[in-house]
Amino acid sequence: MSRITPWYRFKRRNNRRSRLAMFVWWTLVPWMLIPIWRLIYGFRIHHRDKCPNQGPVLVVCNHQSMLDPMIAGLALHSRGFRPLARSSLQQDTPKIIAWLIRCYDAIFIDRDNPGPSSMKKVLAELENGRVSILFPEGARSPDGTIQEFETGVWLLIRRGGAPILPMAVEGVHDVMPMGGKLRWKGAFQATMGDLIPSETLIEMGKDKALEHLRLIVDDLRMELREKIRFDTKGRWPKPGPGDQSLRGGTHKTSADQPTSVAGGD
């Protein structure tokens, strides 16, 4: 089982950033925000130990809300991650959100004209043994379900050589949906799956690999949905399109005992 890198080993967590930045953004902020979100939204992070404490990791997560980068960051704060973000987020999001994204040293990508420089920055992060977070849907889901994965993630899988860590967030669509404001009610959680060697996905070929990865992330999302319903006695998440699994099943809306997700922090 992997151990999370101690908070005080700043350079081991990310030798790109200063000790002060590592303390403020990857230590102090999580210590403050996680308890607040837990109190208001029942926030939990499951299976953080799935992320190795050393070496390159490409994290692939679904995208429900503008809060997702912060949620992923809280789950991975021990590694001093570097997220990818659309360049338009600097203009079309609240100033506080755009400022926070810049504080976390995000790699901005222009979706209309990606260019090679952004991908090179991500590959450089992986080559230097660091963590990058990718939201391969490319944009927030309009209904909480997982959209098609864009092909840019395939380039990073094929050329980066880093293991892929599937991650899912669920419930945050109810808290801050696309085009909506932050609500002070709801419940959301995050979880991580098993590491996937890049060679495993490369052998599948692009289309099968992306669909396989998408199904895994959706399985994690559905497990979280069941767990949140149990924790909130069926109040959250609200019934809707998110109850439909990519594998064809429909999630029950009762608060029965969940069977899969466990080990929340």
C-alpha atoms as a PDB file:
ATOM      1  CA  MET A   1       0.000   0.000   0.000  1.00  0.00           C
ATOM      2  CA  SER A   2       1.317   3.431  -0.954  1.00  0.00           C
ATOM      3  CA  ARG A   3       1.918   5.979   1.750  1.00  0.00           C
ATOM      4  CA  ILE A   4       1.066   9.623   1.297  1.00  0.00           C
ATOM      5  CA  THR A   5       4.129  11.864   1.212  1.00  0.00           C
ATOM      6  CA  PRO A   6       4.430  13.746   4.533  1.00  0.00           C
ATOM      7  CA  TRP A   7       3.212  17.335   4.310  1.00  0.00           C
ATOM      8  CA  TYR A   8       6.513  18.790   5.459  1.00  0.00           C
ATOM      9  CA  ARG A   9       8.642  17.144   2.735  1.00  0.00           C
ATOM     10  CA  PHE A  10       8.028  20.013   0.368  1.00  0.00           C
ATOM     11  CA  LYS A  11      10.702  19.297  -2.236  1.00  0.00           C
ATOM     12  CA  ARG A  12       9.836  15.634  -2.414  1.00  0.00           C
ATOM     13  CA  ARG A  13       6.218  16.552  -3.073  1.00  0.00           C
ATOM     14  CA  ASN A  14       7.072  18.964  -5.881  1.00  0.00           C
ATOM     15  CA  ASN A  15      10.534  20.439  -6.361  1.00  0.00           C
ATOM     16  CA  ARG A  16       9.164  22.885  -8.937  1.00  0.00           C
ATOM     17  CA  ARG A  17       7.414  25.042  -6.327  1.00  0.00           C
ATOM     18  CA  SER A  18       8.789  27.074  -3.424  1.00  0.00           C
ATOM     19  CA  ARG A  19       8.456  25.798   0.124  1.00  0.00           C
ATOM     20  CA  LEU A  20       6.094  28.673   0.935  1.00  0.00           C
ATOM     21  CA  ALA A  21       3.817  27.877  -2.019  1.00  0.00           C
ATOM     22  CA  MET A  22       3.775  24.199  -1.096  1.00  0.00           C
ATOM     23  CA  PHE A  23       2.852  25.031   2.481  1.00  0.00           C
ATOM     24  CA  VAL A  24       0.107  27.532   1.626  1.00  0.00           C
ATOM     25  CA  TRP A  25      -1.600  25.936  -1.386  1.00  0.00           C
ATOM     26  CA  TRP A  26      -0.924  22.228  -0.896  1.00  0.00           C
ATOM     27  CA  THR A  27      -0.982  22.034   2.919  1.00  0.00           C
ATOM     28  CA  LEU A  28      -2.683  24.943   4.694  1.00  0.00           C
ATOM     29  CA  VAL A  29      -5.584  25.359   2.249  1.00  0.00           C
ATOM     30  CA  PRO A  30      -6.491  21.627   2.267  1.00  0.00           C
ATOM     31  CA  TRP A  31      -6.318  21.542   6.064  1.00  0.00           C
ATOM     32  CA  MET A  32      -8.808  24.421   6.183  1.00  0.00           C
ATOM     33  CA  LEU A  33     -11.106  23.521   3.286  1.00  0.00           C
ATOM     34  CA  ILE A  34     -11.581  19.772   3.807  1.00  0.00           C
ATOM     35  CA  PRO A  35     -13.197  20.136   7.279  1.00  0.00           C
ATOM     36  CA  ILE A  36     -15.415  22.987   6.046  1.00  0.00           C
ATOM     37  CA  TRP A  37     -16.634  21.008   3.032  1.00  0.00           C
ATOM     38  CA  ARG A  38     -17.100  17.934   5.214  1.00  0.00           C
ATOM     39  CA  LEU A  39     -19.340  19.909   7.562  1.00  0.00           C
ATOM     40  CA  ILE A  40     -21.409  21.534   4.799  1.00  0.00           C
ATOM     41  CA  TYR A  41     -21.417  18.888   2.052  1.00  0.00           C
ATOM     42  CA  GLY A  42     -20.379  15.649   3.765  1.00  0.00           C
ATOM     43  CA  PHE A  43     -17.207  15.684   1.665  1.00  0.00           C
ATOM     44  CA  ARG A  44     -15.115  12.510   1.709  1.00  0.00           C
ATOM     45  CA  ILE A  45     -12.058  11.344  -0.250  1.00  0.00           C
ATOM     46  CA  HIS A  46     -11.914   7.588  -0.724  1.00  0.00           C
ATOM     47  CA  HIS A  47      -8.808   5.516  -1.457  1.00  0.00           C
ATOM     48  CA  ARG A  48      -6.198   8.272  -1.454  1.00  0.00           C
ATOM     49  CA  ASP A  49      -3.603   5.556  -0.952  1.00  0.00           C
ATOM     50  CA  LYS A  50      -4.139   4.464  -4.560  1.00  0.00           C
ATOM     51  CA  CYS A  51      -1.876   7.337  -5.626  1.00  0.00           C
ATOM     52  CA  PRO A  52       1.847   6.498  -5.326  1.00  0.00           C
ATOM     53  CA  ASN A  53       3.871   8.873  -3.187  1.00  0.00           C
ATOM     54  CA  GLN A  54       6.611   9.075  -5.829  1.00  0.00           C
ATOM     55  CA  GLY A  55       6.947   8.926  -9.590  1.00  0.00           C
ATOM     56  CA  PRO A  56       4.874  10.260 -12.492  1.00  0.00           C
ATOM     57  CA  VAL A  57       1.104   9.836 -12.463  1.00  0.00           C
ATOM     58  CA  LEU A  58      -1.500  10.990 -14.978  1.00  0.00           C
ATOM     59  CA  VAL A  59      -4.797  11.446 -13.146  1.00  0.00           C
ATOM     60  CA  VAL A  60      -7.929  11.157 -15.303  1.00  0.00           C
ATOM     61  CA  CYS A  61     -11.116  12.519 -13.724  1.00  0.00           C
ATOM     62  CA  ASN A  62     -14.679  13.270 -14.799  1.00  0.00           C
ATOM     63  CA  HIS A  63     -15.834  16.886 -14.943  1.00  0.00           C
ATOM     64  CA  GLN A  64     -19.114  18.026 -13.356  1.00  0.00           C
ATOM     65  CA  SER A  65     -18.366  21.499 -12.028  1.00  0.00           C
ATOM     66  CA  MET A  66     -15.897  24.360 -11.733  1.00  0.00           C
ATOM     67  CA  LEU A  67     -15.158  22.955  -8.274  1.00  0.00           C
ATOM     68  CA  ASP A  68     -13.663  19.758  -9.724  1.00  0.00           C
ATOM     69  CA  PRO A  69     -10.055  21.017  -9.948  1.00  0.00           C
ATOM     70  CA  MET A  70     -10.228  22.027  -6.286  1.00  0.00           C
ATOM     71  CA  ILE A  71     -11.702  18.651  -5.308  1.00  0.00           C
ATOM     72  CA  ALA A  72      -9.031  16.770  -7.246  1.00  0.00           C
ATOM     73  CA  GLY A  73      -6.418  19.019  -5.711  1.00  0.00           C
ATOM     74  CA  LEU A  74      -7.596  18.255  -2.187  1.00  0.00           C
ATOM     75  CA  ALA A  75      -7.474  14.540  -2.943  1.00  0.00           C
ATOM     76  CA  LEU A  76      -3.922  14.829  -4.302  1.00  0.00           C
ATOM     77  CA  HIS A  77      -2.484  17.652  -2.205  1.00  0.00           C
ATOM     78  CA  SER A  78       0.281  15.417  -0.860  1.00  0.00           C
ATOM     79  CA  ARG A  79       1.799  15.211  -4.357  1.00  0.00           C
ATOM     80  CA  GLY A  80       1.895  18.890  -5.334  1.00  0.00           C
ATOM     81  CA  PHE A  81      -0.008  18.220  -8.556  1.00  0.00           C
ATOM     82  CA  ARG A  82      -0.248  20.458 -11.612  1.00  0.00           C
ATOM     83  CA  PRO A  83      -3.716  20.579 -13.238  1.00  0.00           C
ATOM     84  CA  LEU A  84      -4.675  21.175 -16.856  1.00  0.00           C
ATOM     85  CA  ALA A  85      -7.300  23.827 -17.524  1.00  0.00           C
ATOM     86  CA  ARG A  86      -9.011  25.496 -20.453  1.00  0.00           C
ATOM     87  CA  SER A  87      -7.478  28.891 -21.150  1.00  0.00           C
ATOM     88  CA  SER A  88     -10.986  30.393 -21.345  1.00  0.00           C
ATOM     89  CA  LEU A  89     -11.435  29.706 -17.622  1.00  0.00           C
ATOM     90  CA  GLN A  90      -9.335  32.790 -16.988  1.00  0.00           C
ATOM     91  CA  GLN A  91     -12.112  34.902 -18.530  1.00  0.00           C
ATOM     92  CA  ASP A  92     -15.438  33.054 -18.106  1.00  0.00           C
ATOM     93  CA  THR A  93     -15.245  32.028 -14.443  1.00  0.00           C
ATOM     94  CA  PRO A  94     -15.554  34.090 -11.255  1.00  0.00           C
ATOM     95  CA  LYS A  95     -12.334  35.974 -10.590  1.00  0.00           C
ATOM     96  CA  ILE A  96     -11.688  34.063  -7.372  1.00  0.00           C
ATOM     97  CA  ILE A  97     -11.856  30.712  -9.224  1.00  0.00           C
ATOM     98  CA  ALA A  98      -9.557  31.941 -12.006  1.00  0.00           C
ATOM     99  CA  TRP A  99      -7.106  33.260  -9.423  1.00  0.00           C
ATOM    100  CA  LEU A 100      -7.079  29.954  -7.540  1.00  0.00           C
ATOM    101  CA  ILE A 101      -6.423  28.021 -10.749  1.00  0.00           C
ATOM    102  CA  ARG A 102      -3.425  30.240 -11.483  1.00  0.00           C
ATOM    103  CA  CYS A 103      -2.174  29.832  -7.911  1.00  0.00           C
ATOM    104  CA  TYR A 104      -2.063  26.084  -8.482  1.00  0.00           C
ATOM    105  CA  ASP A 105       0.215  26.631 -11.486  1.00  0.00           C
ATOM    106  CA  ALA A 106      -2.257  25.203 -13.995  1.00  0.00           C
ATOM    107  CA  ILE A 107      -1.232  24.386 -17.550  1.00  0.00           C
ATOM    108  CA  PHE A 108      -3.698  26.290 -19.731  1.00  0.00           C
ATOM    109  CA  ILE A 109      -4.858  24.722 -22.987  1.00  0.00           C
ATOM    110  CA  ASP A 110      -6.699  26.495 -25.795  1.00  0.00           C
ATOM    111  CA  ARG A 111      -9.342  23.974 -26.890  1.00  0.00           C
ATOM    112  CA  ASP A 112      -9.771  25.648 -30.285  1.00  0.00           C
ATOM    113  CA  ASN A 113      -6.039  25.699 -30.985  1.00  0.00           C
ATOM    114  CA  PRO A 114      -4.269  23.370 -28.531  1.00  0.00           C
ATOM    115  CA  GLY A 115      -0.822  23.529 -30.121  1.00  0.00           C
ATOM    116  CA  PRO A 116       2.116  21.355 -29.076  1.00  0.00           C
ATOM    117  CA  SER A 117       3.445  23.599 -26.301  1.00  0.00           C
ATOM    118  CA  SER A 118       0.744  22.704 -23.760  1.00  0.00           C
ATOM    119  CA  MET A 119       1.188  18.981 -24.335  1.00  0.00           C
ATOM    120  CA  LYS A 120       4.957  19.384 -24.034  1.00  0.00           C
ATOM    121  CA  LYS A 121       4.498  21.031 -20.644  1.00  0.00           C
ATOM    122  CA  VAL A 122       2.399  18.102 -19.429  1.00  0.00           C
ATOM    123  CA  LEU A 123       4.894  15.581 -20.780  1.00  0.00           C
ATOM    124  CA  ALA A 124       7.692  17.497 -19.059  1.00  0.00           C
ATOM    125  CA  GLU A 125       5.820  17.249 -15.754  1.00  0.00           C
ATOM    126  CA  LEU A 126       5.505  13.492 -16.161  1.00  0.00           C
ATOM    127  CA  GLU A 127       9.129  13.102 -17.242  1.00  0.00           C
ATOM    128  CA  ASN A 128      10.159  14.874 -14.039  1.00  0.00           C
ATOM    129  CA  GLY A 129       8.195  12.425 -11.909  1.00  0.00           C
ATOM    130  CA  ARG A 130       5.301  14.712 -11.044  1.00  0.00           C
ATOM    131  CA  VAL A 131       1.507  14.457 -11.124  1.00  0.00           C
ATOM    132  CA  SER A 132      -0.784  16.030 -13.713  1.00  0.00           C
ATOM    133  CA  ILE A 133      -4.572  16.107 -13.481  1.00  0.00           C
ATOM    134  CA  LEU A 134      -6.586  15.835 -16.688  1.00  0.00           C
ATOM    135  CA  PHE A 135     -10.327  16.228 -17.303  1.00  0.00           C
ATOM    136  CA  PRO A 136     -10.583  14.436 -20.662  1.00  0.00           C
ATOM    137  CA  GLU A 137     -14.213  15.396 -21.331  1.00  0.00           C
ATOM    138  CA  GLY A 138     -12.814  18.829 -22.143  1.00  0.00           C
ATOM    139  CA  ALA A 139     -15.754  20.673 -20.589  1.00  0.00           C
ATOM    140  CA  ARG A 140     -18.185  20.339 -17.723  1.00  0.00           C
ATOM    141  CA  SER A 141     -20.975  17.815 -18.078  1.00  0.00           C
ATOM    142  CA  PRO A 142     -24.379  19.494 -18.555  1.00  0.00           C
ATOM    143  CA  ASP A 143     -26.192  16.794 -16.560  1.00  0.00           C
ATOM    144  CA  GLY A 144     -23.586  15.068 -14.384  1.00  0.00           C
ATOM    145  CA  THR A 145     -23.067  12.097 -16.690  1.00  0.00           C
ATOM    146  CA  ILE A 146     -19.685  11.376 -18.265  1.00  0.00           C
ATOM    147  CA  GLN A 147     -19.284  12.751 -21.787  1.00  0.00           C
ATOM    148  CA  GLU A 148     -17.042  11.392 -24.541  1.00  0.00           C
ATOM    149  CA  PHE A 149     -13.311  11.626 -23.850  1.00  0.00           C
ATOM    150  CA  GLU A 150     -11.324  13.867 -26.173  1.00  0.00           C
ATOM    151  CA  THR A 151      -8.413  12.294 -28.031  1.00  0.00           C
ATOM    152  CA  GLY A 152      -5.745  14.526 -26.478  1.00  0.00           C
ATOM    153  CA  VAL A 153      -5.560  12.201 -23.491  1.00  0.00           C
ATOM    154  CA  TRP A 154      -4.438   9.419 -25.824  1.00  0.00           C
ATOM    155  CA  LEU A 155      -1.338  11.378 -26.802  1.00  0.00           C
ATOM    156  CA  LEU A 156      -0.401  11.789 -23.138  1.00  0.00           C
ATOM    157  CA  ILE A 157      -0.998   8.100 -22.444  1.00  0.00           C
ATOM    158  CA  ARG A 158       1.053   7.003 -25.444  1.00  0.00           C
ATOM    159  CA  ARG A 159       3.948   9.423 -25.081  1.00  0.00           C
ATOM    160  CA  GLY A 160       4.001  10.073 -21.341  1.00  0.00           C
ATOM    161  CA  GLY A 161       4.632   6.497 -20.237  1.00  0.00           C
ATOM    162  CA  ALA A 162       3.169   7.266 -16.808  1.00  0.00           C
ATOM    163  CA  PRO A 163       0.643   5.060 -15.045  1.00  0.00           C
ATOM    164  CA  ILE A 164      -2.919   6.337 -15.237  1.00  0.00           C
ATOM    165  CA  LEU A 165      -4.914   6.892 -12.058  1.00  0.00           C
ATOM    166  CA  PRO A 166      -8.698   6.907 -12.637  1.00  0.00           C
ATOM    167  CA  MET A 167     -10.556   9.294 -10.373  1.00  0.00           C
ATOM    168  CA  ALA A 168     -14.201  10.264 -10.029  1.00  0.00           C
ATOM    169  CA  VAL A 169     -16.179  13.034  -8.394  1.00  0.00           C
ATOM    170  CA  GLU A 170     -19.913  12.779  -7.809  1.00  0.00           C
ATOM    171  CA  GLY A 171     -22.623  15.024  -6.401  1.00  0.00           C
ATOM    172  CA  VAL A 172     -20.898  18.292  -7.195  1.00  0.00           C
ATOM    173  CA  HIS A 173     -23.213  18.804 -10.190  1.00  0.00           C
ATOM    174  CA  ASP A 174     -26.002  19.421  -7.665  1.00  0.00           C
ATOM    175  CA  VAL A 175     -23.844  21.888  -5.729  1.00  0.00           C
ATOM    176  CA  MET A 176     -22.532  23.984  -8.634  1.00  0.00           C
ATOM    177  CA  PRO A 177     -23.914  22.910 -12.038  1.00  0.00           C
ATOM    178  CA  MET A 178     -22.840  24.333 -15.361  1.00  0.00           C
ATOM    179  CA  GLY A 179     -24.054  27.918 -15.586  1.00  0.00           C
ATOM    180  CA  GLY A 180     -25.261  27.901 -11.982  1.00  0.00           C
ATOM    181  CA  LYS A 181     -24.094  29.478  -8.755  1.00  0.00           C
ATOM    182  CA  LEU A 182     -22.645  27.723  -5.724  1.00  0.00           C
ATOM    183  CA  ARG A 183     -25.378  26.229  -3.570  1.00  0.00           C
ATOM    184  CA  TRP A 184     -25.060  25.727   0.165  1.00  0.00           C
ATOM    185  CA  LYS A 185     -26.799  22.373   0.095  1.00  0.00           C
ATOM    186  CA  GLY A 186     -26.025  19.024  -1.474  1.00  0.00           C
ATOM    187  CA  ALA A 187     -23.357  16.381  -0.971  1.00  0.00           C
ATOM    188  CA  PHE A 188     -20.291  15.373  -2.959  1.00  0.00           C
ATOM    189  CA  GLN A 189     -17.364  12.990  -2.628  1.00  0.00           C
ATOM    190  CA  ALA A 190     -14.318  11.801  -4.573  1.00  0.00           C
ATOM    191  CA  THR A 191     -12.648   8.436  -5.036  1.00  0.00           C
ATOM    192  CA  MET A 192      -9.676   6.886  -6.816  1.00  0.00           C
ATOM    193  CA  GLY A 193      -9.365   3.592  -8.658  1.00  0.00           C
ATOM    194  CA  ASP A 194      -6.481   1.234  -9.300  1.00  0.00           C
ATOM    195  CA  LEU A 195      -3.441   2.396 -11.260  1.00  0.00           C
ATOM    196  CA  ILE A 196      -3.429   1.329 -14.905  1.00  0.00           C
ATOM    197  CA  PRO A 197      -0.051   0.840 -16.625  1.00  0.00           C
ATOM    198  CA  SER A 198       0.122   2.909 -19.796  1.00  0.00           C
ATOM    199  CA  GLU A 199       1.242  -0.209 -21.694  1.00  0.00           C
ATOM    200  CA  THR A 200      -2.090  -1.873 -20.926  1.00  0.00           C
ATOM    201  CA  LEU A 201      -4.024   0.937 -22.578  1.00  0.00           C
ATOM    202  CA  ILE A 202      -1.596   1.308 -25.480  1.00  0.00           C
ATOM    203  CA  GLU A 203      -2.071  -2.360 -26.379  1.00  0.00           C
ATOM    204  CA  MET A 204      -5.827  -1.763 -26.683  1.00  0.00           C
ATOM    205  CA  GLY A 205      -5.487   0.986 -29.266  1.00  0.00           C
ATOM    206  CA  LYS A 206      -6.891   4.495 -29.030  1.00  0.00           C
ATOM    207  CA  ASP A 207     -10.651   3.952 -29.282  1.00  0.00           C
ATOM    208  CA  LYS A 208     -10.863   0.907 -27.026  1.00  0.00           C
ATOM    209  CA  ALA A 209      -8.479   2.412 -24.486  1.00  0.00           C
ATOM    210  CA  LEU A 210     -10.412   5.674 -24.165  1.00  0.00           C
ATOM    211  CA  GLU A 211     -13.721   3.850 -23.831  1.00  0.00           C
ATOM    212  CA  HIS A 212     -12.230   1.429 -21.297  1.00  0.00           C
ATOM    213  CA  LEU A 213     -10.918   4.326 -19.225  1.00  0.00           C
ATOM    214  CA  ARG A 214     -14.233   6.152 -19.493  1.00  0.00           C
ATOM    215  CA  LEU A 215     -16.125   3.096 -18.246  1.00  0.00           C
ATOM    216  CA  ILE A 216     -13.796   2.731 -15.266  1.00  0.00           C
ATOM    217  CA  VAL A 217     -14.285   6.369 -14.258  1.00  0.00           C
ATOM    218  CA  ASP A 218     -18.053   5.982 -14.627  1.00  0.00           C
ATOM    219  CA  ASP A 219     -18.020   2.832 -12.480  1.00  0.00           C
ATOM    220  CA  LEU A 220     -16.264   4.836  -9.762  1.00  0.00           C
ATOM    221  CA  ARG A 221     -18.801   7.636 -10.164  1.00  0.00           C
ATOM    222  CA  MET A 222     -21.724   5.237  -9.801  1.00  0.00           C
ATOM    223  CA  GLU A 223     -20.196   3.701  -6.670  1.00  0.00           C
ATOM    224  CA  LEU A 224     -19.892   7.179  -5.190  1.00  0.00           C
ATOM    225  CA  ARG A 225     -23.484   7.954  -6.126  1.00  0.00           C
ATOM    226  CA  GLU A 226     -24.627   4.911  -4.172  1.00  0.00           C
ATOM    227  CA  LYS A 227     -22.439   5.859  -1.205  1.00  0.00           C
ATOM    228  CA  ILE A 228     -23.705   9.454  -1.102  1.00  0.00           C
ATOM    229  CA  ARG A 229     -27.320   8.287  -1.268  1.00  0.00           C
ATOM    230  CA  PHE A 230     -26.683   6.028   1.701  1.00  0.00           C
ATOM    231  CA  ASP A 231     -24.901   8.741   3.699  1.00  0.00           C
ATOM    232  CA  THR A 232     -27.670  11.299   3.073  1.00  0.00           C
ATOM    233  CA  LYS A 233     -30.549   8.828   3.502  1.00  0.00           C
ATOM    234  CA  GLY A 234     -31.559   9.281  -0.118  1.00  0.00           C
ATOM    235  CA  ARG A 235     -31.642  13.104  -0.191  1.00  0.00           C
ATOM    236  CA  TRP A 236     -28.649  13.482  -2.519  1.00  0.00           C
ATOM    237  CA  PRO A 237     -27.821  13.247  -5.356  1.00  0.00           C
ATOM    238  CA  LYS A 238     -31.172  14.220  -6.831  1.00  0.00           C
ATOM    239  CA  PRO A 239     -32.642  11.632  -9.251  1.00  0.00           C
ATOM    240  CA  GLY A 240     -31.761  12.439 -12.840  1.00  0.00           C
ATOM    241  CA  PRO A 241     -29.612  11.483 -15.844  1.00  0.00           C
ATOM    242  CA  GLY A 242     -26.691  10.741 -13.525  1.00  0.00           C
ATOM    243  CA  ASP A 243     -28.496   7.601 -12.359  1.00  0.00           C
ATOM    244  CA  GLN A 244     -27.813   6.014 -15.752  1.00  0.00           C
ATOM    245  CA  SER A 245     -24.581   4.030 -16.001  1.00  0.00           C
ATOM    246  CA  LEU A 246     -22.556   3.898 -19.218  1.00  0.00           C
ATOM    247  CA  ARG A 247     -22.806   0.118 -18.936  1.00  0.00           C
ATOM    248  CA  GLY A 248     -26.570   0.350 -19.264  1.00  0.00           C
ATOM    249  CA  GLY A 249     -27.691  -0.081 -15.667  1.00  0.00           C
ATOM    250  CA  THR A 250     -29.804   2.387 -13.743  1.00  0.00           C
ATOM    251  CA  HIS A 251     -28.855   3.386 -10.221  1.00  0.00           C
ATOM    252  CA  LYS A 252     -31.436   2.820  -7.532  1.00  0.00           C
ATOM    253  CA  THR A 253     -32.652   5.952  -5.766  1.00  0.00           C
ATOM    254  CA  SER A 254     -33.036   4.311  -2.357  1.00  0.00           C
ATOM    255  CA  ALA A 255     -30.651   4.688   0.573  1.00  0.00           C
ATOM    256  CA  ASP A 256     -29.706   1.003   0.820  1.00  0.00           C
ATOM    257  CA  GLN A 257     -26.314   0.007   2.206  1.00  0.00           C
ATOM    258  CA  PRO A 258     -23.579   0.617  -0.417  1.00  0.00           C
ATOM    259  CA  THR A 259     -21.336  -2.303  -1.259  1.00  0.00           C
ATOM    260  CA  SER A 260     -18.248  -0.956  -3.026  1.00  0.00           C
ATOM    261  CA  VAL A 261     -16.814   2.362  -1.867  1.00  0.00           C
ATOM    262  CA  ALA A 262     -15.128   2.399   1.508  1.00  0.00           C
ATOM    263  CA  GLY A 263     -12.124   3.907   3.187  1.00  0.00           C
ATOM    264  CA  GLY A 264     -12.952   7.612   3.074  1.00  0.00           C
ATOM    265  CA  ASP A 265     -10.605  10.093   4.721  1.00  0.00           C
END
